[in-house]
């Protein structure tokens, strides 16, 4: 349990202006609990975020900002190097942030569970072979597990690295490939294809392949998840979007993308569903 810290509106307003990297610096200083030379601290933060993502100038600006608002302090040692340490206000801030993030995690997972339930209901009854195609590399483990529970076999079309991670966490998961414009499975193989944020794909030919490998009477389920908050440098929003719930800003023309998929192929029926940023389109292939 995190200690409950009460902050005033002005203090909270300052925290919400901070980025994830600001909070990582504070968190690291809170963990080591002693002054650390500025360069060594930068090296430790670079190990987390990557050297290319944190220039020396950017790191120094971050420290200056944290010092300016009283969350860190420094002392000069004998060799004239500055050693930084977290202030009392900084400890209050990091403790409050942990509590806020914990609260957001609970809300985010509840929202995700509701989304999964809506998708399950929309997809309908038990399927046989199912393909989940992921164009932004964030297919959710919970979605895969839910689909696997009511499917004979689940195939995943995503990056090799992501597939290996899922393979370690999901039983009986198969991999398919899309190479040189061809999905390797034969005609009319899948009963259900789930496409996650397909409007982010620039390769339209893959949908011709999906239509080919869907069985007559089978379903193409398009899922677009919209982040109503947009992109943000604020640490809480970033953590929600990048680490807690896998949402991305979908293309503004996703409706045009839906309409194109519907018009290009021969469907028996189509159906749309929208709920709190979740946009679903179900297309049934003619028998």
Protein backbone atom coordinates (compact mmCIF):
# COMPACT_ATOMS: atom_id res chain seq x y z
CA UNK A 1 0.00 0.00 0.00
CA UNK A 2 1.26 3.49 -0.83
CA UNK A 3 1.12 6.17 1.84
CA UNK A 4 -1.74 8.56 1.14
CA UNK A 5 -0.45 12.07 0.48
CA UNK A 6 -2.71 15.10 0.13
CA UNK A 7 -1.45 17.84 -2.20
CA UNK A 8 -2.90 21.22 -3.00
CA UNK A 9 -4.23 22.19 -6.42
CA UNK A 10 -1.11 24.22 -7.23
CA UNK A 11 1.20 21.32 -6.35
CA UNK A 12 -0.84 18.87 -8.41
CA UNK A 13 -0.87 21.32 -11.31
CA UNK A 14 2.95 21.38 -11.27
CA UNK A 15 3.14 17.56 -11.21
CA UNK A 16 0.85 17.26 -14.20
CA UNK A 17 3.27 19.37 -16.22
CA UNK A 18 6.00 16.78 -15.73
CA UNK A 19 6.92 14.09 -18.25
CA UNK A 20 7.63 10.43 -17.57
CA UNK A 21 11.36 11.17 -17.62
CA UNK A 22 10.97 13.77 -14.88
CA UNK A 23 9.22 11.16 -12.76
CA UNK A 24 11.83 8.52 -13.57
CA UNK A 25 14.56 10.83 -12.25
CA UNK A 26 12.57 11.46 -9.07
CA UNK A 27 11.83 7.76 -8.67
CA UNK A 28 15.49 6.85 -9.09
CA UNK A 29 16.59 9.42 -6.51
CA UNK A 30 13.91 8.16 -4.12
CA UNK A 31 15.17 4.59 -4.50
CA UNK A 32 18.90 5.23 -4.03
CA UNK A 33 18.20 7.57 -1.04
CA UNK A 34 21.53 9.37 -1.27
CA UNK A 35 23.17 12.09 -3.37
CA UNK A 36 24.46 11.00 -6.77
CA UNK A 37 26.71 12.70 -9.30
CA UNK A 38 24.72 14.24 -12.13
CA UNK A 39 26.49 12.31 -14.92
CA UNK A 40 26.04 8.96 -13.18
CA UNK A 41 22.35 9.69 -12.63
CA UNK A 42 21.98 10.48 -16.34
CA UNK A 43 23.62 7.16 -17.25
CA UNK A 44 21.18 5.25 -15.02
CA UNK A 45 18.16 7.01 -16.57
CA UNK A 46 19.51 6.33 -20.07
CA UNK A 47 19.58 2.62 -19.27
CA UNK A 48 15.81 2.86 -18.79
CA UNK A 49 14.76 5.16 -21.64
CA UNK A 50 17.60 4.51 -24.10
CA UNK A 51 20.58 6.73 -24.85
CA UNK A 52 19.08 8.04 -28.09
CA UNK A 53 15.99 9.25 -26.24
CA UNK A 54 17.84 11.35 -23.67
CA UNK A 55 20.51 13.82 -24.74
CA UNK A 56 22.78 15.43 -22.17
CA UNK A 57 21.16 18.82 -22.76
CA UNK A 58 17.67 17.39 -22.29
CA UNK A 59 18.68 15.63 -19.07
CA UNK A 60 20.21 18.82 -17.65
CA UNK A 61 17.00 20.72 -18.46
CA UNK A 62 15.02 18.06 -16.60
CA UNK A 63 17.21 18.44 -13.52
CA UNK A 64 16.96 22.23 -13.72
CA UNK A 65 13.17 22.00 -13.86
CA UNK A 66 13.01 19.63 -10.87
CA UNK A 67 15.35 21.94 -8.92
CA UNK A 68 13.34 25.01 -9.92
CA UNK A 69 10.11 23.62 -8.49
CA UNK A 70 11.83 22.33 -5.37
CA UNK A 71 11.63 18.57 -5.97
CA UNK A 72 15.40 17.99 -6.04
CA UNK A 73 18.39 19.72 -4.52
CA UNK A 74 22.14 19.46 -5.04
CA UNK A 75 25.41 19.93 -3.27
CA UNK A 76 28.89 20.56 -4.61
CA UNK A 77 31.54 18.08 -3.50
CA UNK A 78 35.29 18.58 -3.26
CA UNK A 79 36.02 17.85 -6.94
CA UNK A 80 33.40 20.47 -7.86
CA UNK A 81 30.95 17.90 -9.18
CA UNK A 82 27.28 18.45 -8.40
CA UNK A 83 25.52 15.66 -6.51
CA UNK A 84 21.75 15.60 -6.69
CA UNK A 85 19.27 14.22 -4.19
CA UNK A 86 15.51 14.21 -3.77
CA UNK A 87 14.01 16.85 -1.50
CA UNK A 88 11.24 16.38 1.05
CA UNK A 89 8.79 17.90 -1.43
CA UNK A 90 10.11 15.50 -4.06
CA UNK A 91 9.40 12.52 -1.81
CA UNK A 92 5.85 13.79 -1.29
CA UNK A 93 5.45 14.15 -5.03
CA UNK A 94 6.69 10.67 -5.91
CA UNK A 95 4.53 9.12 -3.18
CA UNK A 96 1.45 10.98 -4.42
CA UNK A 97 2.26 9.95 -8.01
CA UNK A 98 2.46 6.27 -7.08
CA UNK A 99 -0.96 6.45 -5.45
CA UNK A 100 -2.43 8.29 -8.44
CA UNK A 101 -1.00 5.75 -10.88
CA UNK A 102 -2.32 2.84 -8.80
CA UNK A 103 -5.78 4.39 -8.91
CA UNK A 104 -5.56 4.92 -12.67
CA UNK A 105 -4.48 1.31 -13.18
CA UNK A 106 -7.69 0.10 -11.51
CA UNK A 107 -9.84 2.38 -13.65
CA UNK A 108 -7.95 1.45 -16.81
CA UNK A 109 -8.29 -2.30 -16.30
CA UNK A 110 -12.01 -1.95 -15.58
CA UNK A 111 -12.38 -0.02 -18.83
CA UNK A 112 -10.37 -2.64 -20.73
CA UNK A 113 -12.50 -5.47 -19.35
CA UNK A 114 -15.63 -3.65 -20.53
CA UNK A 115 -14.11 -3.26 -23.99
CA UNK A 116 -13.23 -6.96 -24.18
CA UNK A 117 -16.76 -7.92 -23.15
CA UNK A 118 -18.26 -5.69 -25.85
CA UNK A 119 -15.98 -7.28 -28.47
CA UNK A 120 -16.93 -10.81 -27.34
CA UNK A 121 -20.64 -10.07 -27.53
CA UNK A 122 -20.26 -8.46 -30.96
CA UNK A 123 -18.19 -11.38 -32.32
CA UNK A 124 -20.85 -13.87 -31.29
CA UNK A 125 -20.69 -17.61 -30.69
CA UNK A 126 -17.73 -20.02 -30.56
CA UNK A 127 -15.45 -20.01 -33.61
CA UNK A 128 -12.96 -22.52 -35.00
CA UNK A 129 -9.80 -21.08 -36.56
CA UNK A 130 -9.31 -17.42 -35.64
CA UNK A 131 -6.71 -14.93 -36.87
CA UNK A 132 -5.83 -11.83 -34.86
CA UNK A 133 -4.00 -9.25 -37.00
CA UNK A 134 -2.21 -6.45 -35.20
CA UNK A 135 -0.96 -3.45 -37.14
CA UNK A 136 0.40 -1.36 -34.26
CA UNK A 137 2.09 -4.07 -32.20
CA UNK A 138 -0.12 -3.72 -29.13
CA UNK A 139 -2.49 -6.70 -29.30
CA UNK A 140 -3.60 -7.20 -25.73
CA UNK A 141 -2.90 -10.42 -23.85
CA UNK A 142 -6.37 -10.37 -22.34
CA UNK A 143 -8.02 -10.16 -25.77
CA UNK A 144 -5.99 -13.12 -27.02
CA UNK A 145 -6.87 -15.22 -23.97
CA UNK A 146 -10.56 -14.39 -24.30
CA UNK A 147 -10.59 -15.32 -28.00
CA UNK A 148 -8.68 -18.53 -27.30
CA UNK A 149 -11.28 -19.58 -24.74
CA UNK A 150 -14.01 -19.76 -27.39
CA UNK A 151 -11.93 -20.78 -30.39
CA UNK A 152 -10.46 -24.04 -31.67
CA UNK A 153 -7.17 -22.41 -32.70
CA UNK A 154 -5.82 -18.84 -32.53
CA UNK A 155 -3.30 -17.51 -35.04
CA UNK A 156 -1.48 -14.23 -34.52
CA UNK A 157 -0.16 -11.90 -37.22
CA UNK A 158 2.24 -9.48 -35.52
CA UNK A 159 5.96 -8.87 -35.09
CA UNK A 160 8.25 -11.81 -34.33
CA UNK A 161 9.30 -10.33 -30.99
CA UNK A 162 5.72 -9.75 -29.90
CA UNK A 163 4.63 -13.21 -30.99
CA UNK A 164 7.37 -14.88 -28.94
CA UNK A 165 6.29 -12.93 -25.87
CA UNK A 166 2.66 -13.97 -26.33
CA UNK A 167 3.72 -17.55 -27.04
CA UNK A 168 5.25 -17.70 -23.56
CA UNK A 169 2.02 -16.49 -21.97
CA UNK A 170 -0.71 -18.12 -24.06
CA UNK A 171 -1.12 -21.84 -24.66
CA UNK A 172 -1.68 -23.22 -28.17
CA UNK A 173 -0.98 -19.96 -29.98
CA UNK A 174 -0.01 -20.22 -33.66
CA UNK A 175 1.86 -17.77 -35.84
CA UNK A 176 1.02 -16.82 -39.39
CA UNK A 177 2.97 -14.62 -41.78
CA UNK A 178 2.20 -12.08 -44.45
CA UNK A 179 5.07 -12.21 -46.95
CA UNK A 180 5.29 -10.69 -50.42
CA UNK A 181 1.62 -9.78 -50.30
CA UNK A 182 0.43 -13.26 -49.31
CA UNK A 183 -0.95 -14.72 -46.07
CA UNK A 184 0.44 -18.24 -45.95
CA UNK A 185 -2.81 -20.05 -44.99
CA UNK A 186 -4.96 -21.58 -47.76
CA UNK A 187 -8.24 -20.25 -49.12
CA UNK A 188 -11.25 -20.18 -46.78
CA UNK A 189 -9.23 -21.19 -43.72
CA UNK A 190 -10.36 -18.80 -40.94
CA UNK A 191 -13.83 -18.53 -39.50
CA UNK A 192 -13.04 -15.22 -37.80
CA UNK A 193 -10.39 -12.56 -38.45
CA UNK A 194 -9.98 -9.82 -35.86
CA UNK A 195 -8.11 -6.73 -37.05
CA UNK A 196 -6.78 -4.35 -34.41
CA UNK A 197 -6.46 -0.74 -35.57
CA UNK A 198 -6.21 -1.68 -39.22
CA UNK A 199 -6.56 1.92 -40.36
CA UNK A 200 -2.91 2.33 -39.31
CA UNK A 201 -1.80 -0.07 -42.04
CA UNK A 202 -0.70 1.43 -45.36
CA UNK A 203 -0.81 -1.94 -47.12
CA UNK A 204 -4.34 -2.35 -48.44
CA UNK A 205 -3.55 -5.60 -50.30
CA UNK A 206 -3.54 -7.48 -47.01
CA UNK A 207 -7.31 -7.09 -46.88
CA UNK A 208 -7.62 -8.85 -50.22
CA UNK A 209 -5.69 -11.70 -48.62
CA UNK A 210 -7.89 -11.64 -45.53
CA UNK A 211 -10.98 -11.88 -47.69
CA UNK A 212 -9.41 -14.86 -49.49
CA UNK A 213 -8.68 -16.79 -46.28
CA UNK A 214 -12.07 -16.14 -44.63
CA UNK A 215 -14.51 -19.02 -44.93
CA UNK A 216 -17.87 -18.35 -46.60
CA UNK A 217 -20.15 -17.14 -43.84
CA UNK A 218 -17.06 -16.21 -41.80
CA UNK A 219 -16.52 -12.86 -40.14
CA UNK A 220 -14.07 -9.99 -40.46
CA UNK A 221 -14.17 -7.96 -37.24
CA UNK A 222 -12.51 -4.55 -37.43
CA UNK A 223 -11.60 -2.92 -34.11
CA UNK A 224 -10.52 0.70 -33.85
CA UNK A 225 -9.73 2.05 -30.39
CA UNK A 226 -9.65 5.81 -30.08
CA UNK A 227 -7.77 7.68 -27.38
CA UNK A 228 -9.99 10.69 -26.66
CA UNK A 229 -7.17 12.30 -24.65
CA UNK A 230 -4.76 12.46 -27.56
CA UNK A 231 -1.00 12.28 -27.12
CA UNK A 232 0.48 13.88 -24.02
CA UNK A 233 3.76 14.58 -22.28
CA UNK A 234 2.08 14.31 -18.89
CA UNK A 235 3.31 11.30 -17.00
CA UNK A 236 -0.07 9.95 -15.83
CA UNK A 237 -1.62 10.07 -19.29
CA UNK A 238 1.52 8.58 -20.85
CA UNK A 239 1.52 5.70 -18.40
CA UNK A 240 -2.15 5.01 -19.04
CA UNK A 241 -1.67 5.01 -22.79
CA UNK A 242 1.68 3.25 -23.07
CA UNK A 243 1.87 0.95 -20.08
CA UNK A 244 -1.63 0.28 -18.81
CA UNK A 245 -4.21 0.32 -21.58
CA UNK A 246 -3.00 -0.19 -25.13
CA UNK A 247 -4.74 2.72 -26.82
CA UNK A 248 -3.44 4.78 -29.72
CA UNK A 249 -4.74 7.77 -31.60
CA UNK A 250 -6.49 6.19 -34.56
CA UNK A 251 -6.44 7.77 -37.96
CA UNK A 252 -9.06 10.47 -38.40
CA UNK A 253 -10.38 8.77 -41.53
CA UNK A 254 -11.08 5.36 -39.95
CA UNK A 255 -14.71 5.66 -41.12
CA UNK A 256 -13.49 6.02 -44.71
CA UNK A 257 -11.30 2.96 -44.12
CA UNK A 258 -14.37 1.01 -42.92
CA UNK A 259 -16.39 2.13 -45.94
CA UNK A 260 -13.63 1.11 -48.35
CA UNK A 261 -13.37 -2.38 -46.87
CA UNK A 262 -17.14 -2.73 -47.06
CA UNK A 263 -17.38 -1.52 -50.67
CA UNK A 264 -14.43 -3.46 -52.12
CA UNK A 265 -15.56 -6.97 -51.22
CA UNK A 266 -18.71 -9.06 -51.43
CA UNK A 267 -20.28 -9.18 -47.96
CA UNK A 268 -23.54 -10.81 -46.94
CA UNK A 269 -24.13 -8.27 -44.16
CA UNK A 270 -22.37 -5.58 -42.17
CA UNK A 271 -22.93 -4.11 -38.74
CA UNK A 272 -21.38 -1.22 -36.79
CA UNK A 273 -21.07 -0.62 -33.06
CA UNK A 274 -19.61 2.37 -31.17
CA UNK A 275 -18.99 2.63 -27.44
CA UNK A 276 -16.79 5.14 -25.60
CA UNK A 277 -14.03 5.33 -28.19
CA UNK A 278 -14.39 1.67 -29.21
CA UNK A 279 -15.44 1.37 -32.88
CA UNK A 280 -16.39 -2.06 -34.20
CA UNK A 281 -17.37 -3.17 -37.68
CA UNK A 282 -18.54 -6.71 -38.40
CA UNK A 283 -18.56 -7.98 -41.98
CA UNK A 284 -19.93 -11.43 -42.91
CA UNK A 285 -18.61 -13.04 -46.09
CA UNK A 286 -21.23 -14.36 -48.49
CA UNK A 287 -21.59 -18.19 -48.50
